[in-house]
Amino acid sequence: MELWSGPWGWAAQSVLAVAGRDVPLWSAALVLLLAVWRPAAAGASNGGPRD
């Protein structure tokens, strides 16, 4: 099993699984991606610098 670390790898696993490739534990990678992305997205919209 090949494990890709980091958000880009976690996102790629989900895309490959939807495309029909055999990617074990792709759902776990999707959960990790969402766990990292959601707090980052919330932080970006709250209290960030304004133009």
Protein backbone atom coordinates (compact mmCIF):
# COMPACT_ATOMS: atom_id res chain seq x y z
CA MET A 1 0.00 0.00 0.00
CA GLU A 2 1.30 3.40 -0.93
CA LEU A 3 0.58 6.15 1.58
CA TRP A 4 0.57 9.76 0.48
CA SER A 5 0.93 12.28 3.26
CA GLY A 6 -0.33 15.80 3.39
CA PRO A 7 -3.48 17.45 2.04
CA TRP A 8 -2.58 17.07 -1.65
CA GLY A 9 -2.03 13.35 -1.29
CA TRP A 10 -5.20 12.91 0.74
CA ALA A 11 -7.20 14.73 -1.95
CA ALA A 12 -5.63 12.70 -4.76
CA GLN A 13 -6.56 9.40 -3.11
CA SER A 14 -10.24 10.33 -3.09
CA VAL A 15 -10.18 11.41 -6.73
CA LEU A 16 -8.47 8.18 -7.80
CA ALA A 17 -11.00 6.10 -5.84
CA VAL A 18 -13.91 7.86 -7.58
CA ALA A 19 -12.20 7.24 -10.93
CA GLY A 20 -12.21 3.51 -10.23
CA ARG A 21 -8.66 2.92 -9.04
CA ASP A 22 -8.03 0.61 -6.10
CA VAL A 23 -7.02 2.95 -3.28
CA PRO A 24 -7.24 1.30 0.14
CA LEU A 25 -8.32 3.56 2.98
CA TRP A 26 -9.26 6.43 0.66
CA SER A 27 -12.16 7.29 2.94
CA ALA A 28 -9.75 7.79 5.85
CA ALA A 29 -7.69 10.10 3.64
CA LEU A 30 -10.83 12.10 2.87
CA VAL A 31 -11.61 12.44 6.58
CA LEU A 32 -8.06 13.71 7.22
CA LEU A 33 -8.37 16.19 4.36
CA LEU A 34 -11.63 17.58 5.72
CA ALA A 35 -10.23 17.73 9.25
CA VAL A 36 -7.36 19.91 8.04
CA TRP A 37 -9.30 21.97 5.51
CA ARG A 38 -12.34 22.97 7.60
CA PRO A 39 -10.41 24.73 10.41
CA ALA A 40 -8.16 26.41 7.86
CA ALA A 41 -11.15 27.62 5.84
CA ALA A 42 -12.86 28.93 8.99
CA GLY A 43 -9.71 30.76 10.06
CA ALA A 44 -9.30 32.32 6.66
CA SER A 45 -12.76 33.88 6.76
CA ASN A 46 -12.57 35.11 10.36
CA GLY A 47 -10.18 37.81 11.43
CA GLY A 48 -7.99 37.77 8.37
CA PRO A 49 -6.55 40.92 6.81
CA ARG A 50 -9.05 43.00 4.88
CA ASP A 51 -8.44 44.96 1.73
